[in-house]
Amino acid sequence: MSNTHPNERSRTYVQSSIYDEFVRKSIARAKSRVIGSPLTEGVEHGPQVSEAQLNSVLGWIKKGKAQGAKLACGGKRWGKKGYFVEPTVFTEVTDDMDPTLALNPSL
């Protein structure tokens, strides 16, 4: 689940009986998202608005890994131009972890 704004955080709770399939499909979807300029038709995943926001998002991802969340895909800067972060999927996020782990563009 992705958000339209990095301050809109959410988590997706998934029933255990479908968890593995849900994670597989979420990872596949994250990896297939088209990254680029939001002015380009077909692009689904644009940049952060500034270098400061990029660094903030990368910091949240680092914090998530440090807290024990499993980075299933993404989580790195994408490209050399602009402020892009790969679509990111965390798994094994627990309720006691920082809620910023559910950030745009992560699941």
Protein backbone atom coordinates (compact mmCIF):
# COMPACT_ATOMS: atom_id res chain seq x y z
CA MET A 1 0.00 0.00 0.00
CA SER A 2 1.51 3.31 -0.92
CA ASN A 3 0.52 6.74 0.21
CA THR A 4 0.30 9.97 -1.71
CA HIS A 5 2.27 11.89 0.87
CA PRO A 6 5.15 10.73 3.08
CA ASN A 7 3.37 12.01 6.18
CA GLU A 8 0.38 9.74 5.52
CA ARG A 9 1.47 6.56 7.21
CA SER A 10 -0.32 3.27 7.20
CA ARG A 11 0.25 -0.38 7.79
CA THR A 12 -1.44 -3.27 6.13
CA TYR A 13 -2.47 -6.10 8.41
CA VAL A 14 -2.82 -9.38 6.55
CA GLN A 15 -4.49 -12.60 7.68
CA SER A 16 -1.86 -15.26 8.30
CA SER A 17 -3.45 -17.72 5.87
CA ILE A 18 -2.77 -15.41 2.90
CA TYR A 19 0.34 -13.63 4.22
CA ASP A 20 2.98 -15.35 2.08
CA GLU A 21 1.01 -14.86 -1.14
CA PHE A 22 0.26 -11.24 -0.23
CA VAL A 23 3.94 -10.52 0.40
CA ARG A 24 4.99 -12.20 -2.87
CA LYS A 25 2.46 -10.17 -4.85
CA SER A 26 3.38 -6.94 -3.03
CA ILE A 27 7.06 -7.42 -3.83
CA ALA A 28 6.28 -8.21 -7.47
CA ARG A 29 4.10 -5.09 -7.71
CA ALA A 30 6.71 -2.87 -6.07
CA LYS A 31 9.39 -4.15 -8.44
CA SER A 32 7.18 -3.55 -11.48
CA ARG A 33 6.25 0.06 -10.66
CA VAL A 34 7.43 2.52 -13.30
CA ILE A 35 9.73 5.12 -11.73
CA GLY A 36 10.33 8.53 -13.26
CA SER A 37 9.01 12.00 -13.82
CA PRO A 38 5.38 12.34 -12.81
CA LEU A 39 4.90 14.37 -15.98
CA THR A 40 5.62 11.28 -18.08
CA GLU A 41 2.64 9.15 -19.00
CA GLY A 42 2.72 5.73 -17.40
CA VAL A 43 4.96 6.71 -14.50
CA GLU A 44 3.59 5.44 -11.20
CA HIS A 45 6.33 6.45 -8.80
CA GLY A 46 7.82 9.92 -8.74
CA PRO A 47 10.62 11.54 -6.76
CA GLN A 48 10.68 12.97 -3.28
CA VAL A 49 10.28 16.75 -3.29
CA SER A 50 13.77 17.63 -2.05
CA GLU A 51 17.12 16.22 -1.03
CA ALA A 52 16.09 16.73 2.59
CA GLN A 53 12.97 14.59 2.06
CA LEU A 54 15.01 11.95 0.22
CA ASN A 55 17.44 11.75 3.12
CA SER A 56 14.55 11.60 5.58
CA VAL A 57 12.95 8.66 3.76
CA LEU A 58 16.27 6.84 3.48
CA GLY A 59 16.76 7.47 7.20
CA TRP A 60 13.37 5.93 8.00
CA ILE A 61 14.29 2.89 5.94
CA LYS A 62 17.61 2.57 7.79
CA LYS A 63 15.77 2.92 11.11
CA GLY A 64 13.31 0.21 10.12
CA LYS A 65 16.09 -2.22 9.36
CA ALA A 66 17.81 -1.32 12.65
CA GLN A 67 14.56 -2.01 14.55
CA GLY A 68 14.31 -5.47 13.01
CA ALA A 69 11.87 -4.98 10.15
CA LYS A 70 12.80 -7.14 7.17
CA LEU A 71 13.45 -5.18 3.99
CA ALA A 72 11.82 -7.42 1.39
CA CYS A 73 12.63 -5.18 -1.60
CA GLY A 74 13.65 -1.66 -2.51
CA GLY A 75 14.83 0.75 0.11
CA LYS A 76 17.63 2.37 -1.85
CA ARG A 77 18.07 5.53 -3.84
CA TRP A 78 17.13 5.03 -7.47
CA GLY A 79 19.08 6.66 -10.29
CA LYS A 80 21.64 9.43 -10.22
CA LYS A 81 19.35 12.37 -11.00
CA GLY A 82 16.42 13.50 -8.90
CA TYR A 83 15.36 12.36 -5.47
CA PHE A 84 13.99 8.91 -6.17
CA VAL A 85 13.65 6.04 -3.72
CA GLU A 86 12.88 2.54 -4.94
CA PRO A 87 9.39 1.29 -4.07
CA THR A 88 9.95 -0.40 -0.74
CA VAL A 89 8.32 -3.33 1.04
CA PHE A 90 9.00 -4.13 4.68
CA THR A 91 7.80 -7.32 6.33
CA GLU A 92 7.91 -8.45 9.95
CA VAL A 93 7.01 -4.96 11.19
CA THR A 94 5.63 -5.14 14.71
CA ASP A 95 3.30 -2.75 16.51
CA ASP A 96 6.06 -1.57 18.84
CA MET A 97 8.21 -0.32 15.94
CA ASP A 98 8.29 3.32 14.90
CA PRO A 99 5.18 4.07 12.80
CA THR A 100 7.32 5.93 10.25
CA LEU A 101 8.20 2.49 8.89
CA ALA A 102 4.92 2.73 7.01
CA LEU A 103 5.98 5.50 4.72
CA ASN A 104 5.63 6.44 1.13
CA PRO A 105 6.43 4.44 -0.89
CA SER A 106 6.55 1.39 1.30
CA LEU A 107 4.22 -1.33 2.40
